[in-house]
Amino acid sequence: MKDQLKKVWEVLKVSTKLGLTSFGGPIAHIGYFHQEYVVKKKWLDERSYADLVALCQFLPGPASSQVGIGIGTSRAGLLGGLAAWAGFTLPSAILMVAFALLLQGFNFGEASFIHGLKIVAVVIVAQSILSMGKKLANEKLTASIAALAAIIMLLIPTAITQVAVILGSGLIGMWLFKERNVDFENEQSNFNTPKTHYALLFLVAFFSLLVILPVLRELFDSQGLAIFDSFYRSGSLVFGGGHVVLPLLELEVVPNGWISKTDFLAGYGAAQAIPGPMFAFSSYLGTMIGGIGGAVIALIGIFTPAFLLIVGVIPYWDRLRQIKKVKTALIGVNAAVVGILLAALYNPLWTNAIIDAKSFAVAAALFVGMTFWKLPAWGVVILGTLGGIIIGL
């Protein structure tokens, strides 16, 4: 028990550091996580990490948060999963509550330090792609799958396309590598699946709440229940990462008069200035609707589906990935993940951050510093922020 609690505390410390330094949105978070959990801590290997990322791309909800919850659960059980979520999410949620209470209407969207943080996101993702590509797309066939995935995602950038690319790449992998002796070079996965008998209950709870909450909302006149229902549904039905949830949230909170569109957009602008998951924006909206209590309800509501799904699916996923056909499919899927990240590196990260020669110069310097001088991620964040401010001047 003492050893288990020690692991939970370790997960909380690492995830809190990520929650305080992971700028740039869900794709950038995947890069930060890779650096911390795979490269530095070695809590799981490259293939297990790519497998988990691919799984979370399939599931609705905040993909980066689900990756973190999955790693925390693997490391320290259900408490580890909760610790990973809390550490990564609460710093940004607290900041969003503060924005709602003290800084409503102030636009951070054009601030020069935001530009610097966008450049940092480009560097983090580029370094992650380089590292993952060397392992997962390092031959003609897998590199071709990665390139094809990137091309398709760039030409048809939708959440449905992303799921289709992963599925298609899995089928291609099963076909191309069916004769291959898939032992992953005798590499042993160090992703530990929690041996829980309650995984199915988590999945049942996910679907049950999706059906029951709207009914309860109609039966009982409760603002708290209405908030939880709206945010639970938004968290359950979004594919493609944090920014995709914004139109769903806007439809839930603006038309019924909970918040004005101006305040909604102001909060979104402020959310660009903080680290952590975009879903923490829910705490801003909850505060605007119902104060601190509303923030807690909205935050729990939007993340509950993600937790129920990832904890419920992981035990079955781990068994499936041991089957030879699934292993050959995962060769294709892992290569596709590299391609999807490559497409995201260009759009929206590169197109929004590298807007002139000065931006490229800062990015190049940070990339060399991180890749060859081994600067830590938090150091890159600080230098990138300063670079953005200097560019602004």
Protein backbone atom coordinates (compact mmCIF):
# COMPACT_ATOMS: atom_id res chain seq x y z
CA MET A 1 0.00 0.00 0.00
CA LYS A 2 2.80 2.39 0.91
CA ASP A 3 4.57 1.65 -2.38
CA GLN A 4 1.32 2.24 -4.27
CA LEU A 5 0.76 5.62 -2.61
CA LYS A 6 4.34 6.56 -3.41
CA LYS A 7 3.67 5.85 -7.09
CA VAL A 8 0.46 7.90 -6.97
CA TRP A 9 2.39 10.81 -5.47
CA GLU A 10 5.05 10.43 -8.17
CA VAL A 11 2.37 10.53 -10.89
CA LEU A 12 0.83 13.62 -9.32
CA LYS A 13 4.16 15.46 -9.21
CA VAL A 14 5.05 14.68 -12.82
CA SER A 15 1.58 15.46 -14.18
CA THR A 16 1.43 18.73 -12.23
CA LYS A 17 4.72 19.80 -13.79
CA LEU A 18 3.22 19.00 -17.19
CA GLY A 19 0.05 20.87 -16.27
CA LEU A 20 2.13 23.96 -15.51
CA THR A 21 4.34 23.84 -18.61
CA SER A 22 2.42 22.11 -21.45
CA PHE A 23 1.39 24.93 -23.77
CA GLY A 24 0.12 24.63 -27.32
CA GLY A 25 -2.96 22.41 -27.37
CA PRO A 26 -3.53 18.64 -27.56
CA ILE A 27 -1.00 17.85 -30.29
CA ALA A 28 1.71 19.73 -28.42
CA HIS A 29 0.70 17.90 -25.22
CA ILE A 30 1.42 14.60 -26.95
CA GLY A 31 4.94 15.90 -27.52
CA TYR A 32 5.38 17.06 -23.93
CA PHE A 33 4.07 13.72 -22.64
CA HIS A 34 6.44 11.83 -24.92
CA GLN A 35 9.41 13.77 -23.58
CA GLU A 36 8.44 13.27 -19.94
CA TYR A 37 6.87 9.82 -19.75
CA VAL A 38 8.79 7.98 -22.51
CA VAL A 39 12.16 9.69 -22.92
CA LYS A 40 12.82 10.90 -19.38
CA LYS A 41 10.85 8.67 -16.99
CA LYS A 42 10.72 5.60 -19.26
CA TRP A 43 7.37 4.61 -17.76
CA LEU A 44 6.43 3.10 -21.13
CA ASP A 45 8.20 2.41 -24.40
CA GLU A 46 7.77 4.08 -27.80
CA ARG A 47 5.40 1.46 -29.19
CA SER A 48 3.20 1.33 -26.12
CA TYR A 49 3.00 5.11 -26.17
CA ALA A 50 2.09 5.19 -29.87
CA ASP A 51 -0.51 2.45 -29.27
CA LEU A 52 -2.06 4.48 -26.45
CA VAL A 53 -2.09 7.67 -28.53
CA ALA A 54 -3.78 5.79 -31.38
CA LEU A 55 -6.40 4.40 -28.99
CA CYS A 56 -7.14 7.84 -27.56
CA GLN A 57 -7.52 9.26 -31.08
CA PHE A 58 -10.35 6.74 -31.54
CA LEU A 59 -12.17 7.66 -28.35
CA PRO A 60 -14.30 10.76 -27.92
CA GLY A 61 -13.03 13.35 -25.49
CA PRO A 62 -9.72 15.15 -24.85
CA ALA A 63 -7.11 12.84 -26.39
CA SER A 64 -4.11 14.25 -24.54
CA SER A 65 -5.85 14.07 -21.16
CA GLN A 66 -6.87 10.48 -21.88
CA VAL A 67 -3.27 9.59 -22.73
CA GLY A 68 -2.22 11.05 -19.38
CA ILE A 69 -4.97 9.21 -17.50
CA GLY A 70 -4.01 5.98 -19.25
CA ILE A 71 -0.35 6.37 -18.29
CA GLY A 72 -1.27 7.28 -14.70
CA THR A 73 -3.56 4.26 -14.46
CA SER A 74 -0.83 2.01 -15.85
CA ARG A 75 1.67 3.36 -13.36
CA ALA A 76 -0.41 3.49 -10.17
CA GLY A 77 -3.92 2.11 -10.75
CA LEU A 78 -7.15 4.10 -10.65
CA LEU A 79 -5.75 6.54 -8.08
CA GLY A 80 -2.83 7.08 -10.43
CA GLY A 81 -5.25 7.87 -13.24
CA LEU A 82 -7.06 10.41 -11.06
CA ALA A 83 -3.72 11.90 -9.97
CA ALA A 84 -2.60 12.22 -13.60
CA TRP A 85 -5.85 14.00 -14.49
CA ALA A 86 -5.77 16.29 -11.45
CA GLY A 87 -2.13 17.29 -11.86
CA PHE A 88 -2.49 18.04 -15.57
CA THR A 89 -5.88 19.76 -15.38
CA LEU A 90 -6.24 21.68 -12.12
CA PRO A 91 -3.52 24.31 -12.75
CA SER A 92 -5.23 25.48 -15.95
CA ALA A 93 -8.71 25.12 -14.41
CA ILE A 94 -7.74 27.34 -11.48
CA LEU A 95 -6.30 29.93 -13.86
CA MET A 96 -9.49 29.88 -15.95
CA VAL A 97 -11.60 30.44 -12.83
CA ALA A 98 -9.36 33.39 -11.97
CA PHE A 99 -9.79 34.79 -15.48
CA ALA A 100 -13.54 34.48 -15.14
CA LEU A 101 -13.60 36.25 -11.76
CA LEU A 102 -11.01 38.97 -12.35
CA LEU A 103 -10.16 39.42 -16.01
CA GLN A 104 -13.42 39.05 -17.93
CA GLY A 105 -13.38 40.67 -21.33
CA PHE A 106 -9.59 41.10 -21.54
CA ASN A 107 -8.28 39.77 -24.85
CA PHE A 108 -5.06 37.74 -24.60
CA GLY A 109 -5.36 36.37 -28.11
CA GLU A 110 -2.90 38.82 -29.70
CA ALA A 111 -0.37 39.11 -26.87
CA SER A 112 3.24 38.68 -28.03
CA PHE A 113 4.03 36.02 -25.42
CA ILE A 114 1.22 33.90 -26.88
CA HIS A 115 3.12 33.94 -30.18
CA GLY A 116 6.20 32.67 -28.34
CA LEU A 117 4.21 29.82 -26.80
CA LYS A 118 2.91 28.86 -30.23
CA ILE A 119 6.51 28.62 -31.46
CA VAL A 120 7.35 26.43 -28.47
CA ALA A 121 4.50 24.10 -29.45
CA VAL A 122 5.99 23.76 -32.95
CA VAL A 123 9.39 22.83 -31.52
CA ILE A 124 8.00 20.31 -29.02
CA VAL A 125 5.92 18.54 -31.66
CA ALA A 126 8.74 18.56 -34.24
CA GLN A 127 11.14 16.97 -31.75
CA SER A 128 8.54 14.38 -30.80
CA ILE A 129 7.87 13.50 -34.45
CA LEU A 130 11.59 13.09 -35.07
CA SER A 131 11.95 10.74 -32.11
CA MET A 132 8.83 8.69 -32.85
CA GLY A 133 9.54 8.60 -36.58
CA LYS A 134 12.98 7.03 -36.03
CA LYS A 135 11.30 4.17 -34.19
CA LEU A 136 7.92 3.79 -35.89
CA ALA A 137 8.35 5.00 -39.48
CA ASN A 138 11.96 4.09 -40.22
CA GLU A 139 11.58 1.99 -43.38
CA LYS A 140 10.11 2.48 -46.87
CA LEU A 141 6.68 1.01 -46.13
CA THR A 142 6.06 2.58 -42.72
CA ALA A 143 7.47 5.94 -43.88
CA SER A 144 5.12 5.79 -46.87
CA ILE A 145 2.14 5.08 -44.60
CA ALA A 146 3.13 8.05 -42.42
CA ALA A 147 3.47 10.32 -45.44
CA LEU A 148 0.13 9.17 -46.88
CA ALA A 149 -1.58 9.74 -43.53
CA ALA A 150 -0.12 13.25 -43.34
CA ILE A 151 -1.23 14.08 -46.89
CA ILE A 152 -4.80 12.87 -46.31
CA MET A 153 -5.07 14.78 -43.01
CA LEU A 154 -3.79 17.97 -44.63
CA LEU A 155 -6.22 17.70 -47.55
CA ILE A 156 -9.26 16.59 -45.50
CA PRO A 157 -8.67 17.86 -41.94
CA THR A 158 -11.64 16.47 -40.03
CA ALA A 159 -12.07 14.27 -36.96
CA ILE A 160 -13.81 11.63 -39.12
CA THR A 161 -10.85 11.63 -41.49
CA GLN A 162 -8.52 11.03 -38.57
CA VAL A 163 -10.44 7.96 -37.44
CA ALA A 164 -10.64 6.70 -41.04
CA VAL A 165 -6.88 7.16 -41.50
CA ILE A 166 -6.12 5.14 -38.38
CA LEU A 167 -8.53 2.37 -39.40
CA GLY A 168 -7.23 2.31 -42.97
CA SER A 169 -3.61 2.25 -41.83
CA GLY A 170 -4.41 -0.68 -39.56
CA LEU A 171 -5.86 -2.64 -42.49
CA ILE A 172 -2.86 -1.74 -44.65
CA GLY A 173 -0.56 -2.92 -41.86
CA MET A 174 -2.38 -6.27 -41.63
CA TRP A 175 -1.98 -6.72 -45.39
CA LEU A 176 1.60 -5.50 -45.85
CA PHE A 177 3.12 -7.13 -42.78
CA LYS A 178 1.11 -10.38 -42.58
CA GLU A 179 4.20 -12.50 -43.34
CA ARG A 180 6.43 -10.63 -40.93
CA ASN A 181 7.52 -12.19 -37.67
CA VAL A 182 6.08 -9.50 -35.46
CA ASP A 183 8.01 -9.67 -32.24
CA PHE A 184 8.82 -5.93 -32.25
CA GLU A 185 12.49 -6.89 -32.07
CA ASN A 186 11.75 -8.85 -28.88
CA GLU A 187 10.87 -5.54 -27.27
CA GLN A 188 8.94 -6.03 -24.06
CA SER A 189 6.18 -3.54 -23.39
CA ASN A 190 6.37 -1.85 -20.01
CA PHE A 191 2.80 -0.61 -20.14
CA ASN A 192 1.10 -2.22 -17.16
CA THR A 193 -2.60 -2.82 -17.51
CA PRO A 194 -4.47 -2.62 -14.21
CA LYS A 195 -6.13 -5.95 -13.47
CA THR A 196 -9.57 -4.61 -12.68
CA HIS A 197 -12.81 -6.53 -12.92
CA TYR A 198 -14.74 -3.29 -13.10
CA ALA A 199 -13.74 -2.13 -16.58
CA LEU A 200 -17.10 -3.13 -18.05
CA LEU A 201 -18.89 -1.16 -15.32
CA PHE A 202 -17.03 1.99 -16.38
CA LEU A 203 -18.19 1.51 -19.97
CA VAL A 204 -21.78 0.85 -18.85
CA ALA A 205 -21.64 3.99 -16.71
CA PHE A 206 -20.44 6.05 -19.68
CA PHE A 207 -23.36 5.06 -21.92
CA SER A 208 -25.92 5.08 -19.09
CA LEU A 209 -25.12 8.65 -18.07
CA LEU A 210 -25.32 9.76 -21.69
CA VAL A 211 -28.92 8.51 -21.81
CA ILE A 212 -30.10 9.17 -18.25
CA LEU A 213 -28.81 12.72 -17.68
CA PRO A 214 -31.03 14.42 -20.31
CA VAL A 215 -34.04 12.64 -18.82
CA LEU A 216 -33.18 13.73 -15.28
CA ARG A 217 -32.63 17.27 -16.54
CA GLU A 218 -36.21 17.36 -17.84
CA LEU A 219 -37.63 15.89 -14.64
CA PHE A 220 -35.81 18.10 -12.13
CA ASP A 221 -35.41 21.86 -12.25
CA SER A 222 -31.77 22.01 -11.14
CA GLN A 223 -29.15 24.31 -12.62
CA GLY A 224 -26.34 22.08 -11.35
CA LEU A 225 -27.85 19.03 -13.07
CA ALA A 226 -28.38 21.03 -16.26
CA ILE A 227 -24.74 22.17 -16.24
CA PHE A 228 -23.45 18.63 -15.62
CA ASP A 229 -25.64 17.24 -18.43
CA SER A 230 -24.51 19.88 -20.96
CA PHE A 231 -20.83 19.46 -20.23
CA TYR A 232 -20.99 15.66 -19.95
CA ARG A 233 -22.65 15.49 -23.36
CA SER A 234 -20.09 17.86 -24.88
CA GLY A 235 -17.24 15.76 -23.49
CA SER A 236 -18.85 12.54 -24.75
CA LEU A 237 -19.54 13.56 -28.33
CA VAL A 238 -16.39 15.40 -29.41
CA PHE A 239 -13.71 13.77 -31.55
CA GLY A 240 -10.48 15.45 -32.55
CA GLY A 241 -9.19 17.28 -29.50
CA GLY A 242 -9.82 20.34 -27.40
CA HIS A 243 -10.56 22.97 -30.02
CA VAL A 244 -13.25 20.80 -31.60
CA VAL A 245 -15.31 20.97 -28.39
CA LEU A 246 -15.71 24.76 -28.65
CA PRO A 247 -18.68 24.79 -31.07
CA LEU A 248 -20.42 22.12 -28.98
CA LEU A 249 -19.91 24.16 -25.81
CA GLU A 250 -21.04 27.34 -27.51
CA LEU A 251 -24.29 25.65 -28.58
CA GLU A 252 -24.84 24.52 -24.99
CA VAL A 253 -24.16 27.78 -23.15
CA VAL A 254 -24.86 30.72 -25.50
CA PRO A 255 -28.33 30.09 -27.03
CA ASN A 256 -29.96 29.37 -23.65
CA GLY A 257 -28.62 32.61 -22.18
CA TRP A 258 -26.09 31.18 -19.72
CA ILE A 259 -23.29 33.31 -21.18
CA SER A 260 -22.96 35.93 -23.92
CA LYS A 261 -21.02 35.19 -27.09
CA THR A 262 -18.66 38.07 -26.25
CA ASP A 263 -17.81 36.55 -22.86
CA PHE A 264 -17.49 33.12 -24.46
CA LEU A 265 -14.91 34.40 -26.96
CA ALA A 266 -13.09 36.41 -24.29
CA GLY A 267 -12.66 33.26 -22.23
CA TYR A 268 -11.45 31.38 -25.29
CA GLY A 269 -8.84 34.08 -25.89
CA ALA A 270 -7.65 33.78 -22.29
CA ALA A 271 -7.48 30.00 -22.64
CA GLN A 272 -4.78 30.40 -25.29
CA ALA A 273 -2.46 31.89 -22.68
CA ILE A 274 -2.43 28.98 -20.26
CA PRO A 275 -0.93 25.47 -20.25
CA GLY A 276 -2.91 22.27 -19.87
CA PRO A 277 -5.97 20.90 -21.65
CA MET A 278 -8.38 23.07 -23.62
CA PHE A 279 -11.22 21.28 -21.82
CA ALA A 280 -10.25 23.30 -18.73
CA PHE A 281 -12.08 26.13 -20.52
CA SER A 282 -15.15 24.48 -19.01
CA SER A 283 -14.18 25.85 -15.59
CA TYR A 284 -14.33 29.40 -16.99
CA LEU A 285 -17.78 28.78 -18.44
CA GLY A 286 -18.96 27.11 -15.23
CA THR A 287 -17.79 30.10 -13.19
CA MET A 288 -19.62 32.51 -15.49
CA ILE A 289 -22.79 30.43 -15.16
CA GLY A 290 -22.82 29.46 -11.49
CA GLY A 291 -19.73 30.71 -9.67
CA ILE A 292 -17.14 28.38 -8.14
CA GLY A 293 -19.71 25.62 -7.71
CA GLY A 294 -20.60 25.88 -11.39
CA ALA A 295 -16.91 25.62 -12.28
CA VAL A 296 -16.52 22.38 -10.30
CA ILE A 297 -19.63 20.84 -11.85
CA ALA A 298 -18.66 21.84 -15.40
CA LEU A 299 -15.09 20.61 -15.01
CA ILE A 300 -16.11 17.22 -13.59
CA GLY A 301 -18.90 16.93 -16.13
CA ILE A 302 -16.74 17.43 -19.20
CA PHE A 303 -13.91 15.13 -18.06
CA THR A 304 -16.00 12.28 -16.60
CA PRO A 305 -16.64 10.65 -20.02
CA ALA A 306 -12.92 10.68 -20.82
CA PHE A 307 -12.05 8.95 -17.55
CA LEU A 308 -14.81 6.35 -17.82
CA LEU A 309 -13.86 5.48 -21.40
CA ILE A 310 -10.10 5.20 -21.07
CA VAL A 311 -10.23 3.21 -17.81
CA GLY A 312 -12.95 0.98 -19.23
CA VAL A 313 -11.24 0.31 -22.56
CA ILE A 314 -7.56 -0.10 -21.60
CA PRO A 315 -7.81 -3.67 -20.17
CA TYR A 316 -9.44 -4.94 -23.37
CA TRP A 317 -7.08 -2.94 -25.57
CA ASP A 318 -4.04 -4.45 -23.88
CA ARG A 319 -5.29 -7.97 -24.62
CA LEU A 320 -6.09 -7.14 -28.23
CA ARG A 321 -2.68 -5.66 -28.93
CA GLN A 322 -1.05 -9.03 -28.04
CA ILE A 323 -2.78 -10.80 -30.98
CA LYS A 324 -0.55 -11.18 -34.07
CA LYS A 325 -3.06 -9.66 -36.52
CA VAL A 326 -3.55 -6.72 -34.21
CA LYS A 327 0.23 -6.35 -33.88
CA THR A 328 0.63 -6.17 -37.66
CA ALA A 329 -2.22 -3.66 -37.80
CA LEU A 330 -0.50 -1.58 -35.13
CA ILE A 331 2.62 -1.29 -37.29
CA GLY A 332 0.47 0.60 -39.77
CA VAL A 333 -1.42 2.48 -37.07
CA ASN A 334 1.75 3.64 -35.33
CA ALA A 335 3.16 4.92 -38.61
CA ALA A 336 -0.12 6.74 -39.22
CA VAL A 337 0.12 8.41 -35.79
CA VAL A 338 3.48 9.85 -36.87
CA GLY A 339 1.84 11.12 -40.07
CA ILE A 340 -1.11 12.63 -38.19
CA LEU A 341 1.29 14.46 -35.89
CA LEU A 342 3.26 15.63 -38.93
CA ALA A 343 0.10 17.06 -40.50
CA ALA A 344 -0.79 18.78 -37.24
CA LEU A 345 2.74 20.20 -37.05
CA TYR A 346 2.04 22.05 -40.30
CA ASN A 347 -1.59 22.95 -39.65
CA PRO A 348 -2.53 24.43 -37.26
CA LEU A 349 0.80 24.74 -35.40
CA TRP A 350 3.27 25.88 -38.07
CA THR A 351 0.82 28.04 -40.03
CA ASN A 352 -0.19 29.92 -36.87
CA ALA A 353 3.24 30.24 -35.27
CA ILE A 354 5.92 30.49 -38.00
CA ILE A 355 4.61 33.63 -39.68
CA ASP A 356 7.92 35.30 -40.60
CA ALA A 357 11.70 34.84 -40.61
CA LYS A 358 12.01 35.95 -36.99
CA SER A 359 9.58 33.26 -35.88
CA PHE A 360 11.51 30.63 -37.81
CA ALA A 361 14.79 31.82 -36.29
CA VAL A 362 13.41 31.44 -32.76
CA ALA A 363 11.98 28.01 -33.59
CA ALA A 364 15.28 26.83 -35.10
CA ALA A 365 17.24 27.98 -32.06
CA LEU A 366 14.83 26.28 -29.67
CA PHE A 367 14.83 23.07 -31.71
CA VAL A 368 18.64 22.87 -31.64
CA GLY A 369 18.62 23.68 -27.92
CA MET A 370 16.11 20.96 -27.13
CA THR A 371 17.41 18.27 -29.51
CA PHE A 372 21.18 18.68 -29.21
CA TRP A 373 21.76 20.69 -26.03
CA LYS A 374 19.06 18.71 -24.18
CA LEU A 375 17.28 21.76 -22.77
CA PRO A 376 14.33 20.71 -20.56
CA ALA A 377 10.80 21.46 -21.74
CA TRP A 378 10.26 24.14 -19.09
CA GLY A 379 13.43 25.90 -20.24
CA VAL A 380 12.21 25.85 -23.83
CA VAL A 381 8.87 27.34 -22.67
CA ILE A 382 10.66 30.22 -20.90
CA LEU A 383 13.00 30.93 -23.80
CA GLY A 384 10.16 30.67 -26.32
CA THR A 385 8.04 33.11 -24.32
CA LEU A 386 10.93 35.58 -24.20
CA GLY A 387 11.47 35.07 -27.94
CA GLY A 388 7.84 35.92 -28.61
CA ILE A 389 8.06 39.08 -26.53
CA ILE A 390 11.25 40.15 -28.36
CA ILE A 391 9.56 39.53 -31.74
CA GLY A 392 6.64 41.65 -30.56
CA LEU A 393 9.00 44.50 -29.72
